[in-house]
Amino acid sequence: MSENVKERLMRVIILLVGLTVAHFGVTLFLLSELGSDPFNVFIQGLFRTGSGVLPILTHGRVHIAISLIIMVILIFVDKTYVKIGTILCMICGGPIIDFFSMVLSPLSISERSMVVRLPILAAGCVILAYGMTIVIKSDAGTGPNDLVAVVISDKLGRRFSIVRIIVDFSFVIIGWALGGTVGIGTIICAFLVGPVAGVFLPVNEKLIGRILRKCQ
């Protein structure tokens, strides 16, 4: 196997690890039952809307469908941002959430106090941000929803953490208008994930750089 192929394969593996970590964080977030993360509020809105958009699909499949739409739009903006990892994120993201939700569903804590639920919510946000930055810095592609913030940040030369907050709140507003579930956790996530990701981005860039150098 050539070094170039080894490096590309390692980038994809790193991306899949980050994707799994990020969606474990999303599932923990959902477990707190304090609302859904911004992108999933958007998806919930489409899934639950009274107009009957995509009524026969599971949450995971709706995730794939919406991600595909976003990805197609981004191809017209700048196709260099859409890579093999973007396709993998689109296909795998929703099913990973469905899997973790099934595994962790017996641990429902809806009857617990906020003292228990808020730390789980915060942990989910931090894990989501950490996994998301692994995906971004793998440079094998990015989840379509995260890619929106990446593209805007690059094109406008703005800090990713600030752009991510704006993008998250845009998903929240649209999702809420369509009937998605918005709770205190949704607002916390919209404010927290971007800045935490901003902290993890340089850390994971160095870590992934060291891993990839061993493949050269």
N, C-alpha and C. Protein backbone atom coordinates (compact mmCIF):
# COMPACT_ATOMS: atom_id res chain seq x y z
N MET A 1 0.86 -1.20 0.00
CA MET A 1 0.00 0.00 0.00
C MET A 1 0.89 1.25 0.00
N SER A 2 0.70 2.15 -0.94
CA SER A 2 1.53 3.35 -1.01
C SER A 2 1.27 4.26 0.18
N GLU A 3 2.26 5.12 0.47
CA GLU A 3 2.14 6.02 1.62
C GLU A 3 0.94 6.95 1.46
N ASN A 4 0.71 7.41 0.21
CA ASN A 4 -0.39 8.33 -0.04
C ASN A 4 -1.73 7.67 0.26
N VAL A 5 -1.87 6.41 -0.16
CA VAL A 5 -3.10 5.68 0.10
C VAL A 5 -3.26 5.42 1.58
N LYS A 6 -2.16 5.09 2.26
CA LYS A 6 -2.19 4.86 3.70
C LYS A 6 -2.67 6.11 4.44
N GLU A 7 -2.16 7.26 4.01
CA GLU A 7 -2.56 8.51 4.67
C GLU A 7 -4.04 8.80 4.44
N ARG A 8 -4.51 8.60 3.22
CA ARG A 8 -5.92 8.84 2.92
C ARG A 8 -6.82 7.91 3.73
N LEU A 9 -6.41 6.65 3.82
CA LEU A 9 -7.18 5.68 4.59
C LEU A 9 -7.21 6.07 6.06
N MET A 10 -6.07 6.51 6.58
CA MET A 10 -6.02 6.92 7.99
C MET A 10 -6.90 8.14 8.23
N ARG A 11 -6.96 9.06 7.29
CA ARG A 11 -7.82 10.24 7.44
C ARG A 11 -9.29 9.82 7.55
N VAL A 12 -9.68 8.84 6.73
CA VAL A 12 -11.06 8.36 6.76
C VAL A 12 -11.35 7.66 8.09
N ILE A 13 -10.38 6.85 8.56
CA ILE A 13 -10.56 6.16 9.85
C ILE A 13 -10.71 7.17 10.98
N ILE A 14 -9.85 8.20 10.96
CA ILE A 14 -9.93 9.26 11.98
C ILE A 14 -11.29 9.95 11.91
N LEU A 15 -11.76 10.23 10.71
CA LEU A 15 -13.07 10.86 10.54
C LEU A 15 -14.18 10.00 11.14
N LEU A 16 -14.15 8.69 10.88
CA LEU A 16 -15.20 7.80 11.39
C LEU A 16 -15.16 7.72 12.91
N VAL A 17 -13.95 7.76 13.48
CA VAL A 17 -13.83 7.78 14.94
C VAL A 17 -14.46 9.06 15.49
N GLY A 18 -14.10 10.19 14.87
CA GLY A 18 -14.67 11.46 15.31
C GLY A 18 -16.17 11.51 15.17
N LEU A 19 -16.66 10.95 14.07
CA LEU A 19 -18.11 10.93 13.82
C LEU A 19 -18.83 10.12 14.90
N THR A 20 -18.26 8.99 15.26
CA THR A 20 -18.86 8.15 16.31
C THR A 20 -18.85 8.85 17.65
N VAL A 21 -17.71 9.49 17.98
CA VAL A 21 -17.61 10.24 19.24
C VAL A 21 -18.64 11.37 19.27
N ALA A 22 -18.72 12.13 18.17
CA ALA A 22 -19.65 13.26 18.11
C ALA A 22 -21.09 12.81 18.30
N HIS A 23 -21.47 11.71 17.67
CA HIS A 23 -22.85 11.27 17.77
C HIS A 23 -23.15 10.57 19.09
N PHE A 24 -22.13 10.06 19.75
CA PHE A 24 -22.32 9.61 21.13
C PHE A 24 -22.65 10.81 22.01
N GLY A 25 -21.95 11.93 21.77
CA GLY A 25 -22.25 13.15 22.50
C GLY A 25 -23.66 13.64 22.24
N VAL A 26 -24.09 13.57 20.99
CA VAL A 26 -25.46 13.97 20.65
C VAL A 26 -26.46 13.10 21.41
N THR A 27 -26.19 11.80 21.48
CA THR A 27 -27.11 10.88 22.15
C THR A 27 -27.16 11.16 23.64
N LEU A 28 -26.03 11.45 24.25
CA LEU A 28 -26.02 11.84 25.67
C LEU A 28 -26.84 13.10 25.87
N PHE A 29 -26.65 14.03 24.96
CA PHE A 29 -27.40 15.28 24.99
C PHE A 29 -28.90 14.98 24.98
N LEU A 30 -29.32 14.13 24.06
CA LEU A 30 -30.74 13.77 23.95
C LEU A 30 -31.22 13.03 25.19
N LEU A 31 -30.34 12.25 25.81
CA LEU A 31 -30.68 11.49 27.00
C LEU A 31 -31.09 12.41 28.15
N SER A 32 -30.52 13.62 28.18
CA SER A 32 -30.87 14.56 29.24
C SER A 32 -32.32 15.02 29.14
N GLU A 33 -32.91 14.87 27.94
CA GLU A 33 -34.29 15.26 27.68
C GLU A 33 -34.56 16.72 28.04
N LEU A 34 -33.60 17.56 27.72
CA LEU A 34 -33.75 19.00 27.94
C LEU A 34 -33.84 19.75 26.61
N GLY A 35 -34.17 19.01 25.57
CA GLY A 35 -34.24 19.58 24.23
C GLY A 35 -33.30 18.81 23.32
N SER A 36 -33.34 19.12 22.05
CA SER A 36 -32.46 18.46 21.09
C SER A 36 -31.39 19.42 20.62
N ASP A 37 -30.30 18.88 20.05
CA ASP A 37 -29.26 19.76 19.53
C ASP A 37 -29.81 20.51 18.31
N PRO A 38 -29.22 21.65 17.96
CA PRO A 38 -29.80 22.51 16.92
C PRO A 38 -30.10 21.82 15.60
N PHE A 39 -29.17 21.03 15.06
CA PHE A 39 -29.42 20.39 13.77
C PHE A 39 -30.55 19.39 13.87
N ASN A 40 -30.63 18.68 14.99
CA ASN A 40 -31.71 17.71 15.15
C ASN A 40 -33.06 18.37 15.41
N VAL A 41 -33.06 19.58 15.97
CA VAL A 41 -34.31 20.34 16.06
C VAL A 41 -34.81 20.63 14.65
N PHE A 42 -33.89 20.99 13.77
CA PHE A 42 -34.22 21.25 12.37
C PHE A 42 -34.81 19.99 11.73
N ILE A 43 -34.17 18.84 11.98
CA ILE A 43 -34.64 17.59 11.42
C ILE A 43 -35.99 17.19 12.03
N GLN A 44 -36.12 17.36 13.35
CA GLN A 44 -37.39 17.07 14.02
C GLN A 44 -38.51 17.89 13.42
N GLY A 45 -38.20 19.16 13.15
CA GLY A 45 -39.22 20.03 12.58
C GLY A 45 -39.74 19.49 11.26
N LEU A 46 -38.84 19.03 10.42
CA LEU A 46 -39.26 18.47 9.14
C LEU A 46 -39.99 17.14 9.33
N PHE A 47 -39.53 16.35 10.29
CA PHE A 47 -40.10 15.03 10.51
C PHE A 47 -41.50 15.10 11.12
N ARG A 48 -41.73 16.10 11.96
CA ARG A 48 -42.99 16.19 12.70
C ARG A 48 -43.97 17.20 12.10
N THR A 49 -43.56 17.91 11.08
CA THR A 49 -44.41 18.98 10.57
C THR A 49 -45.76 18.46 10.11
N GLY A 50 -46.79 19.26 10.31
CA GLY A 50 -48.14 18.85 9.95
C GLY A 50 -48.36 18.70 8.47
N SER A 51 -47.45 19.25 7.67
CA SER A 51 -47.60 19.12 6.22
C SER A 51 -47.22 17.74 5.73
N GLY A 52 -46.70 16.91 6.65
CA GLY A 52 -46.43 15.51 6.30
C GLY A 52 -45.18 15.30 5.48
N VAL A 53 -44.17 16.15 5.66
CA VAL A 53 -42.92 15.98 4.92
C VAL A 53 -42.22 14.70 5.38
N LEU A 54 -41.91 13.83 4.45
CA LEU A 54 -41.20 12.58 4.73
C LEU A 54 -41.79 11.80 5.90
N PRO A 55 -43.10 11.54 5.93
CA PRO A 55 -43.72 10.93 7.11
C PRO A 55 -43.35 9.47 7.34
N ILE A 56 -42.84 8.77 6.32
CA ILE A 56 -42.59 7.34 6.49
C ILE A 56 -41.15 7.03 6.87
N LEU A 57 -40.31 8.06 7.00
CA LEU A 57 -38.90 7.84 7.26
C LEU A 57 -38.58 7.89 8.75
N THR A 58 -37.55 7.13 9.16
CA THR A 58 -37.06 7.21 10.54
C THR A 58 -36.27 8.50 10.70
N HIS A 59 -35.96 8.82 11.96
CA HIS A 59 -35.17 10.03 12.22
C HIS A 59 -33.83 9.96 11.49
N GLY A 60 -33.20 8.78 11.55
CA GLY A 60 -31.90 8.63 10.89
C GLY A 60 -31.97 8.85 9.40
N ARG A 61 -33.04 8.37 8.77
CA ARG A 61 -33.17 8.54 7.33
C ARG A 61 -33.49 9.98 6.96
N VAL A 62 -34.24 10.66 7.82
CA VAL A 62 -34.48 12.08 7.58
C VAL A 62 -33.16 12.84 7.66
N HIS A 63 -32.32 12.44 8.64
CA HIS A 63 -30.99 13.04 8.79
C HIS A 63 -30.21 12.91 7.49
N ILE A 64 -30.24 11.73 6.89
CA ILE A 64 -29.54 11.49 5.63
C ILE A 64 -30.11 12.37 4.52
N ALA A 65 -31.43 12.43 4.44
CA ALA A 65 -32.08 13.19 3.37
C ALA A 65 -31.73 14.67 3.46
N ILE A 66 -31.80 15.24 4.66
CA ILE A 66 -31.52 16.66 4.82
C ILE A 66 -30.03 16.93 4.59
N SER A 67 -29.18 16.03 5.07
CA SER A 67 -27.74 16.18 4.85
C SER A 67 -27.43 16.18 3.36
N LEU A 68 -28.12 15.35 2.61
CA LEU A 68 -27.92 15.28 1.16
C LEU A 68 -28.28 16.61 0.50
N ILE A 69 -29.38 17.19 0.93
CA ILE A 69 -29.80 18.48 0.37
C ILE A 69 -28.74 19.55 0.65
N ILE A 70 -28.26 19.58 1.90
CA ILE A 70 -27.24 20.57 2.28
C ILE A 70 -25.96 20.35 1.47
N MET A 71 -25.58 19.07 1.32
CA MET A 71 -24.37 18.75 0.59
C MET A 71 -24.46 19.19 -0.87
N VAL A 72 -25.61 18.97 -1.49
CA VAL A 72 -25.80 19.37 -2.89
C VAL A 72 -25.67 20.88 -3.02
N ILE A 73 -26.26 21.60 -2.09
CA ILE A 73 -26.16 23.07 -2.11
C ILE A 73 -24.69 23.50 -2.00
N LEU A 74 -23.95 22.82 -1.09
CA LEU A 74 -22.55 23.19 -0.88
C LEU A 74 -21.69 22.87 -2.09
N ILE A 75 -22.05 21.86 -2.86
CA ILE A 75 -21.31 21.54 -4.08
C ILE A 75 -21.34 22.74 -5.03
N PHE A 76 -22.48 23.43 -5.08
CA PHE A 76 -22.59 24.59 -5.95
C PHE A 76 -21.82 25.79 -5.38
N VAL A 77 -21.66 25.82 -4.05
CA VAL A 77 -20.89 26.91 -3.43
C VAL A 77 -19.40 26.70 -3.69
N ASP A 78 -18.90 25.52 -3.37
CA ASP A 78 -17.49 25.19 -3.59
C ASP A 78 -17.33 23.69 -3.42
N LYS A 79 -17.25 22.97 -4.53
CA LYS A 79 -17.26 21.52 -4.47
C LYS A 79 -16.03 20.92 -3.82
N THR A 80 -14.96 21.73 -3.65
CA THR A 80 -13.75 21.21 -3.02
C THR A 80 -13.98 20.87 -1.55
N TYR A 81 -15.04 21.42 -0.95
CA TYR A 81 -15.33 21.14 0.45
C TYR A 81 -16.00 19.77 0.63
N VAL A 82 -16.61 19.27 -0.41
CA VAL A 82 -17.35 18.01 -0.32
C VAL A 82 -16.43 16.86 -0.73
N LYS A 83 -16.07 16.01 0.23
CA LYS A 83 -15.13 14.92 0.00
C LYS A 83 -15.79 13.60 0.37
N ILE A 84 -15.01 12.52 0.27
CA ILE A 84 -15.55 11.20 0.57
C ILE A 84 -16.07 11.12 2.01
N GLY A 85 -15.38 11.82 2.93
CA GLY A 85 -15.83 11.81 4.32
C GLY A 85 -17.17 12.49 4.51
N THR A 86 -17.46 13.48 3.67
CA THR A 86 -18.75 14.15 3.74
C THR A 86 -19.87 13.16 3.41
N ILE A 87 -19.60 12.32 2.41
CA ILE A 87 -20.58 11.28 2.04
C ILE A 87 -20.76 10.29 3.19
N LEU A 88 -19.65 9.89 3.81
CA LEU A 88 -19.72 8.95 4.93
C LEU A 88 -20.50 9.55 6.10
N CYS A 89 -20.25 10.83 6.38
CA CYS A 89 -20.98 11.50 7.46
C CYS A 89 -22.47 11.54 7.16
N MET A 90 -22.80 11.82 5.91
CA MET A 90 -24.20 11.89 5.51
C MET A 90 -24.89 10.54 5.69
N ILE A 91 -24.20 9.47 5.28
CA ILE A 91 -24.80 8.14 5.33
C ILE A 91 -24.83 7.58 6.74
N CYS A 92 -23.76 7.81 7.50
CA CYS A 92 -23.59 7.14 8.80
C CYS A 92 -24.15 7.92 9.99
N GLY A 93 -24.24 9.26 9.86
CA GLY A 93 -24.61 10.08 11.03
C GLY A 93 -25.93 9.70 11.66
N GLY A 94 -26.98 9.68 10.88
CA GLY A 94 -28.31 9.35 11.41
C GLY A 94 -28.38 7.96 12.01
N PRO A 95 -27.93 6.92 11.30
CA PRO A 95 -27.96 5.57 11.87
C PRO A 95 -27.15 5.42 13.15
N ILE A 96 -26.03 6.16 13.28
CA ILE A 96 -25.26 6.10 14.52
C ILE A 96 -26.08 6.65 15.68
N ILE A 97 -26.77 7.76 15.44
CA ILE A 97 -27.65 8.31 16.48
C ILE A 97 -28.75 7.31 16.84
N ASP A 98 -29.35 6.70 15.82
CA ASP A 98 -30.40 5.70 16.08
C ASP A 98 -29.84 4.54 16.91
N PHE A 99 -28.61 4.10 16.61
CA PHE A 99 -28.00 2.98 17.34
C PHE A 99 -27.75 3.36 18.79
N PHE A 100 -27.09 4.50 19.02
CA PHE A 100 -26.80 4.90 20.40
C PHE A 100 -28.08 5.17 21.18
N SER A 101 -29.09 5.71 20.50
CA SER A 101 -30.37 5.96 21.17
C SER A 101 -31.00 4.66 21.65
N MET A 102 -30.91 3.61 20.82
CA MET A 102 -31.45 2.31 21.18
C MET A 102 -30.69 1.72 22.37
N VAL A 103 -29.36 1.84 22.34
CA VAL A 103 -28.52 1.26 23.40
C VAL A 103 -28.73 1.98 24.73
N LEU A 104 -28.84 3.31 24.67
CA LEU A 104 -28.91 4.10 25.90
C LEU A 104 -30.33 4.40 26.36
N SER A 105 -31.33 4.01 25.56
CA SER A 105 -32.72 4.33 25.92
C SER A 105 -33.14 3.81 27.30
N PRO A 106 -32.63 2.66 27.77
CA PRO A 106 -33.03 2.21 29.11
C PRO A 106 -32.54 3.13 30.22
N LEU A 107 -31.60 4.03 29.91
CA LEU A 107 -31.02 4.91 30.92
C LEU A 107 -31.74 6.25 31.02
N SER A 108 -32.96 6.33 30.50
CA SER A 108 -33.72 7.58 30.50
C SER A 108 -33.72 8.21 31.89
N ILE A 109 -33.42 9.51 31.92
CA ILE A 109 -33.32 10.20 33.21
C ILE A 109 -34.32 11.34 33.31
N SER A 110 -35.40 11.24 32.58
CA SER A 110 -36.37 12.34 32.54
C SER A 110 -36.96 12.65 33.91
N GLU A 111 -36.96 11.67 34.82
CA GLU A 111 -37.53 11.89 36.14
C GLU A 111 -36.51 12.40 37.14
N ARG A 112 -35.24 12.45 36.72
CA ARG A 112 -34.18 12.91 37.63
C ARG A 112 -34.20 14.43 37.74
N SER A 113 -33.49 14.93 38.75
CA SER A 113 -33.42 16.37 38.97
C SER A 113 -32.48 17.02 37.97
N MET A 114 -32.56 18.34 37.89
CA MET A 114 -31.69 19.09 36.98
C MET A 114 -30.23 18.96 37.38
N VAL A 115 -29.98 18.65 38.64
CA VAL A 115 -28.60 18.46 39.12
C VAL A 115 -27.94 17.29 38.38
N VAL A 116 -28.73 16.30 38.00
CA VAL A 116 -28.23 15.15 37.26
C VAL A 116 -28.28 15.41 35.75
N ARG A 117 -29.34 16.00 35.30
CA ARG A 117 -29.57 16.15 33.86
C ARG A 117 -28.65 17.19 33.21
N LEU A 118 -28.39 18.29 33.90
CA LEU A 118 -27.56 19.34 33.30
C LEU A 118 -26.12 18.88 33.06
N PRO A 119 -25.48 18.15 34.02
CA PRO A 119 -24.13 17.65 33.71
C PRO A 119 -24.09 16.69 32.53
N ILE A 120 -25.13 15.86 32.38
CA ILE A 120 -25.19 14.95 31.24
C ILE A 120 -25.32 15.75 29.95
N LEU A 121 -26.15 16.78 29.99
CA LEU A 121 -26.30 17.68 28.84
C LEU A 121 -24.97 18.32 28.49
N ALA A 122 -24.27 18.86 29.50
CA ALA A 122 -23.00 19.53 29.26
C ALA A 122 -21.96 18.56 28.72
N ALA A 123 -21.93 17.35 29.30
CA ALA A 123 -20.98 16.34 28.83
C ALA A 123 -21.26 15.98 27.37
N GLY A 124 -22.53 15.86 27.02
CA GLY A 124 -22.89 15.57 25.64
C GLY A 124 -22.41 16.65 24.69
N CYS A 125 -22.57 17.93 25.10
CA CYS A 125 -22.13 19.05 24.25
C CYS A 125 -20.62 19.03 24.04
N VAL A 126 -19.88 18.77 25.14
CA VAL A 126 -18.42 18.76 25.05
C VAL A 126 -17.94 17.61 24.18
N ILE A 127 -18.52 16.42 24.38
CA ILE A 127 -18.15 15.26 23.57
C ILE A 127 -18.50 15.49 22.10
N LEU A 128 -19.66 16.08 21.86
CA LEU A 128 -20.06 16.42 20.49
C LEU A 128 -19.03 17.35 19.86
N ALA A 129 -18.64 18.40 20.57
CA ALA A 129 -17.68 19.37 20.04
C ALA A 129 -16.32 18.71 19.79
N TYR A 130 -15.90 17.83 20.69
CA TYR A 130 -14.62 17.16 20.53
C TYR A 130 -14.63 16.26 19.29
N GLY A 131 -15.66 15.44 19.17
CA GLY A 131 -15.76 14.56 18.01
C GLY A 131 -15.87 15.33 16.72
N MET A 132 -16.61 16.42 16.75
CA MET A 132 -16.80 17.24 15.56
C MET A 132 -15.48 17.82 15.07
N THR A 133 -14.61 18.25 16.01
CA THR A 133 -13.32 18.81 15.60
C THR A 133 -12.37 17.74 15.08
N ILE A 134 -12.51 16.51 15.56
CA ILE A 134 -11.73 15.40 14.98
C ILE A 134 -12.12 15.22 13.51
N VAL A 135 -13.42 15.23 13.26
CA VAL A 135 -13.92 15.09 11.89
C VAL A 135 -13.38 16.22 11.00
N ILE A 136 -13.49 17.44 11.48
CA ILE A 136 -13.05 18.60 10.69
C ILE A 136 -11.56 18.53 10.38
N LYS A 137 -10.76 18.22 11.38
CA LYS A 137 -9.31 18.21 11.21
C LYS A 137 -8.78 16.93 10.55
N SER A 138 -9.63 15.94 10.36
CA SER A 138 -9.20 14.77 9.59
C SER A 138 -8.94 15.17 8.14
N ASP A 139 -9.59 16.24 7.70
CA ASP A 139 -9.49 16.75 6.33
C ASP A 139 -9.88 15.68 5.32
N ALA A 140 -10.80 14.80 5.73
CA ALA A 140 -11.33 13.81 4.81
C ALA A 140 -12.75 14.15 4.41
N GLY A 141 -13.23 15.29 4.92
CA GLY A 141 -14.62 15.69 4.71
C GLY A 141 -15.23 16.06 6.05
N THR A 142 -16.37 16.68 6.02
CA THR A 142 -17.03 17.13 7.24
C THR A 142 -18.52 16.86 7.13
N GLY A 143 -19.17 16.60 8.26
CA GLY A 143 -20.61 16.42 8.26
C GLY A 143 -21.28 17.61 7.61
N PRO A 144 -22.29 17.40 6.78
CA PRO A 144 -22.93 18.50 6.05
C PRO A 144 -23.36 19.68 6.93
N ASN A 145 -23.89 19.38 8.13
CA ASN A 145 -24.31 20.48 9.00
C ASN A 145 -23.12 21.27 9.52
N ASP A 146 -22.03 20.58 9.89
CA ASP A 146 -20.82 21.28 10.33
C ASP A 146 -20.16 22.00 9.17
N LEU A 147 -20.29 21.42 7.98
CA LEU A 147 -19.67 22.01 6.80
C LEU A 147 -20.25 23.38 6.48
N VAL A 148 -21.50 23.59 6.82
CA VAL A 148 -22.10 24.92 6.62
C VAL A 148 -21.28 25.97 7.37
N ALA A 149 -20.98 25.67 8.64
CA ALA A 149 -20.20 26.62 9.44
C ALA A 149 -18.76 26.73 8.93
N VAL A 150 -18.18 25.60 8.49
CA VAL A 150 -16.80 25.62 7.99
C VAL A 150 -16.70 26.49 6.73
N VAL A 151 -17.62 26.31 5.81
CA VAL A 151 -17.59 27.07 4.56
C VAL A 151 -17.78 28.56 4.82
N ILE A 152 -18.78 28.90 5.63
CA ILE A 152 -19.03 30.32 5.93
C ILE A 152 -17.83 30.94 6.63
N SER A 153 -17.25 30.19 7.59
CA SER A 153 -16.09 30.69 8.32
C SER A 153 -14.92 30.96 7.38
N ASP A 154 -14.66 30.02 6.46
CA ASP A 154 -13.55 30.19 5.52
C ASP A 154 -13.81 31.32 4.54
N LYS A 155 -15.02 31.36 3.99
CA LYS A 155 -15.34 32.36 2.96
C LYS A 155 -15.32 33.78 3.50
N LEU A 156 -15.79 33.95 4.74
CA LEU A 156 -15.87 35.29 5.33
C LEU A 156 -14.67 35.63 6.20
N GLY A 157 -13.81 34.64 6.43
CA GLY A 157 -12.64 34.87 7.27
C GLY A 157 -12.99 35.15 8.72
N ARG A 158 -14.06 34.53 9.19
CA ARG A 158 -14.52 34.73 10.57
C ARG A 158 -14.17 33.52 11.43
N ARG A 159 -14.12 33.73 12.73
CA ARG A 159 -13.82 32.64 13.65
C ARG A 159 -14.89 31.57 13.58
N PHE A 160 -14.46 30.32 13.54
CA PHE A 160 -15.40 29.20 13.44
C PHE A 160 -16.38 29.19 14.60
N SER A 161 -15.89 29.46 15.82
CA SER A 161 -16.76 29.37 17.00
C SER A 161 -17.93 30.33 16.91
N ILE A 162 -17.70 31.54 16.39
CA ILE A 162 -18.78 32.53 16.27
C ILE A 162 -19.74 32.13 15.17
N VAL A 163 -19.20 31.71 14.03
CA VAL A 163 -20.05 31.30 12.91
C VAL A 163 -20.91 30.10 13.30
N ARG A 164 -20.33 29.18 14.06
CA ARG A 164 -21.07 27.99 14.48
C ARG A 164 -22.28 28.38 15.33
N ILE A 165 -22.13 29.35 16.21
CA ILE A 165 -23.26 29.81 17.03
C ILE A 165 -24.38 30.34 16.14
N ILE A 166 -24.01 31.15 15.15
CA ILE A 166 -25.00 31.73 14.24
C ILE A 166 -25.72 30.64 13.45
N VAL A 167 -24.95 29.67 12.94
CA VAL A 167 -25.53 28.57 12.18
C VAL A 167 -26.46 27.74 13.06
N ASP A 168 -26.02 27.44 14.28
CA ASP A 168 -26.84 26.65 15.20
C ASP A 168 -28.17 27.34 15.50
N PHE A 169 -28.12 28.63 15.75
CA PHE A 169 -29.37 29.34 16.05
C PHE A 169 -30.27 29.43 14.82
N SER A 170 -29.68 29.46 13.65
CA SER A 170 -30.49 29.43 12.43
C SER A 170 -31.25 28.12 12.32
N PHE A 171 -30.56 26.99 12.62
CA PHE A 171 -31.22 25.68 12.62
C PHE A 171 -32.33 25.64 13.68
N VAL A 172 -32.06 26.22 14.85
CA VAL A 172 -33.04 26.22 15.93
C VAL A 172 -34.31 26.97 15.52
N ILE A 173 -34.13 28.16 14.98
CA ILE A 173 -35.29 28.99 14.61
C ILE A 173 -36.13 28.31 13.53
N ILE A 174 -35.46 27.78 12.50
CA ILE A 174 -36.20 27.11 11.42
C ILE A 174 -36.87 25.85 11.94
N GLY A 175 -36.12 25.05 12.70
CA GLY A 175 -36.68 23.81 13.25
C GLY A 175 -37.85 24.07 14.17
N TRP A 176 -37.73 25.07 15.03
CA TRP A 176 -38.81 25.41 15.96
C TRP A 176 -40.05 25.86 15.18
N ALA A 177 -39.84 26.66 14.14
CA ALA A 177 -40.97 27.13 13.32
C ALA A 177 -41.71 25.98 12.66
N LEU A 178 -40.98 24.88 12.38
CA LEU A 178 -41.59 23.72 11.73
C LEU A 178 -42.14 22.70 12.73
N GLY A 179 -41.93 22.95 14.02
CA GLY A 179 -42.48 22.05 15.02
C GLY A 179 -41.47 21.23 15.78
N GLY A 180 -40.18 21.51 15.63
CA GLY A 180 -39.15 20.79 16.37
C GLY A 180 -39.17 21.12 17.85
N THR A 181 -38.62 20.24 18.67
CA THR A 181 -38.62 20.42 20.12
C THR A 181 -37.43 21.27 20.55
N VAL A 182 -37.70 22.41 21.14
CA VAL A 182 -36.66 23.31 21.64
C VAL A 182 -36.78 23.41 23.16
N GLY A 183 -35.67 23.15 23.84
CA GLY A 183 -35.65 23.24 25.29
C GLY A 183 -34.44 24.02 25.74
N ILE A 184 -34.26 24.09 27.05
CA ILE A 184 -33.10 24.82 27.59
C ILE A 184 -31.80 24.21 27.10
N GLY A 185 -31.81 22.88 26.90
CA GLY A 185 -30.62 22.21 26.39
C GLY A 185 -30.25 22.65 24.99
N THR A 186 -31.25 22.93 24.18
CA THR A 186 -31.01 23.39 22.81
C THR A 186 -30.28 24.72 22.82
N ILE A 187 -30.72 25.62 23.68
CA ILE A 187 -30.10 26.94 23.77
C ILE A 187 -28.68 26.82 24.30
N ILE A 188 -28.49 26.00 25.34
CA ILE A 188 -27.15 25.80 25.90
C ILE A 188 -26.22 25.24 24.83
N CYS A 189 -26.71 24.26 24.08
CA CYS A 189 -25.91 23.64 23.02
C CYS A 189 -25.52 24.66 21.96
N ALA A 190 -26.48 25.49 21.55
CA ALA A 190 -26.22 26.47 20.51
C ALA A 190 -25.13 27.46 20.92
N PHE A 191 -25.07 27.79 22.22
CA PHE A 191 -24.06 28.70 22.72
C PHE A 191 -22.74 28.00 23.04
N LEU A 192 -22.80 26.73 23.44
CA LEU A 192 -21.64 26.05 24.00
C LEU A 192 -20.77 25.33 22.97
N VAL A 193 -21.38 24.64 22.01
CA VAL A 193 -20.63 23.78 21.10
C VAL A 193 -19.60 24.56 20.28
N GLY A 194 -19.98 25.69 19.72
CA GLY A 194 -19.05 26.47 18.89
C GLY A 194 -17.80 26.88 19.64
N PRO A 195 -17.93 27.55 20.80
CA PRO A 195 -16.74 27.95 21.55
C PRO A 195 -15.88 26.77 22.02
N VAL A 196 -16.53 25.67 22.45
CA VAL A 196 -15.76 24.50 22.88
C VAL A 196 -15.01 23.91 21.70
N ALA A 197 -15.67 23.86 20.54
CA ALA A 197 -15.00 23.38 19.33
C ALA A 197 -13.82 24.26 18.98
N GLY A 198 -13.96 25.56 19.20
CA GLY A 198 -12.86 26.48 18.93
C GLY A 198 -11.63 26.18 19.76
N VAL A 199 -11.85 25.67 20.97
CA VAL A 199 -10.74 25.28 21.85
C VAL A 199 -10.10 23.97 21.37
N PHE A 200 -10.95 23.01 20.95
CA PHE A 200 -10.45 21.69 20.57
C PHE A 200 -9.81 21.66 19.18
N LEU A 201 -10.18 22.59 18.30
CA LEU A 201 -9.68 22.54 16.92
C LEU A 201 -8.15 22.52 16.83
N PRO A 202 -7.43 23.46 17.48
CA PRO A 202 -5.96 23.42 17.39
C PRO A 202 -5.36 22.20 18.08
N VAL A 203 -6.01 21.73 19.15
CA VAL A 203 -5.52 20.55 19.87
C VAL A 203 -5.58 19.33 18.97
N ASN A 204 -6.72 19.11 18.32
CA ASN A 204 -6.88 17.95 17.46
C ASN A 204 -6.09 18.08 16.16
N GLU A 205 -5.87 19.31 15.72
CA GLU A 205 -5.04 19.50 14.54
C GLU A 205 -3.62 18.98 14.79
N LYS A 206 -3.07 19.26 15.96
CA LYS A 206 -1.73 18.78 16.32
C LYS A 206 -1.73 17.27 16.50
N LEU A 207 -2.74 16.75 17.18
CA LEU A 207 -2.82 15.31 17.42
C LEU A 207 -2.93 14.53 16.12
N ILE A 208 -3.82 14.96 15.25
CA ILE A 208 -4.02 14.27 13.98
C ILE A 208 -2.79 14.42 13.09
N GLY A 209 -2.14 15.58 13.17
CA GLY A 209 -0.91 15.78 12.40
C GLY A 209 0.16 14.78 12.79
N ARG A 210 0.30 14.51 14.09
CA ARG A 210 1.29 13.54 14.55
C ARG A 210 0.95 12.12 14.05
N ILE A 211 -0.35 11.79 14.09
CA ILE A 211 -0.77 10.47 13.62
C ILE A 211 -0.48 10.30 12.14
N LEU A 212 -0.80 11.33 11.35
CA LEU A 212 -0.63 11.23 9.91
C LEU A 212 0.84 11.20 9.50
N ARG A 213 1.70 11.86 10.27
CA ARG A 213 3.13 11.85 9.95
C ARG A 213 3.71 10.44 10.04
N LYS A 214 3.10 9.61 10.89
CA LYS A 214 3.56 8.24 11.02
C LYS A 214 3.18 7.39 9.82
N CYS A 215 2.23 7.90 9.02
CA CYS A 215 1.79 7.16 7.82
C CYS A 215 2.61 7.55 6.60
N GLN A 216 3.50 8.52 6.77
CA GLN A 216 4.26 9.01 5.61
C GLN A 216 5.58 8.25 5.46
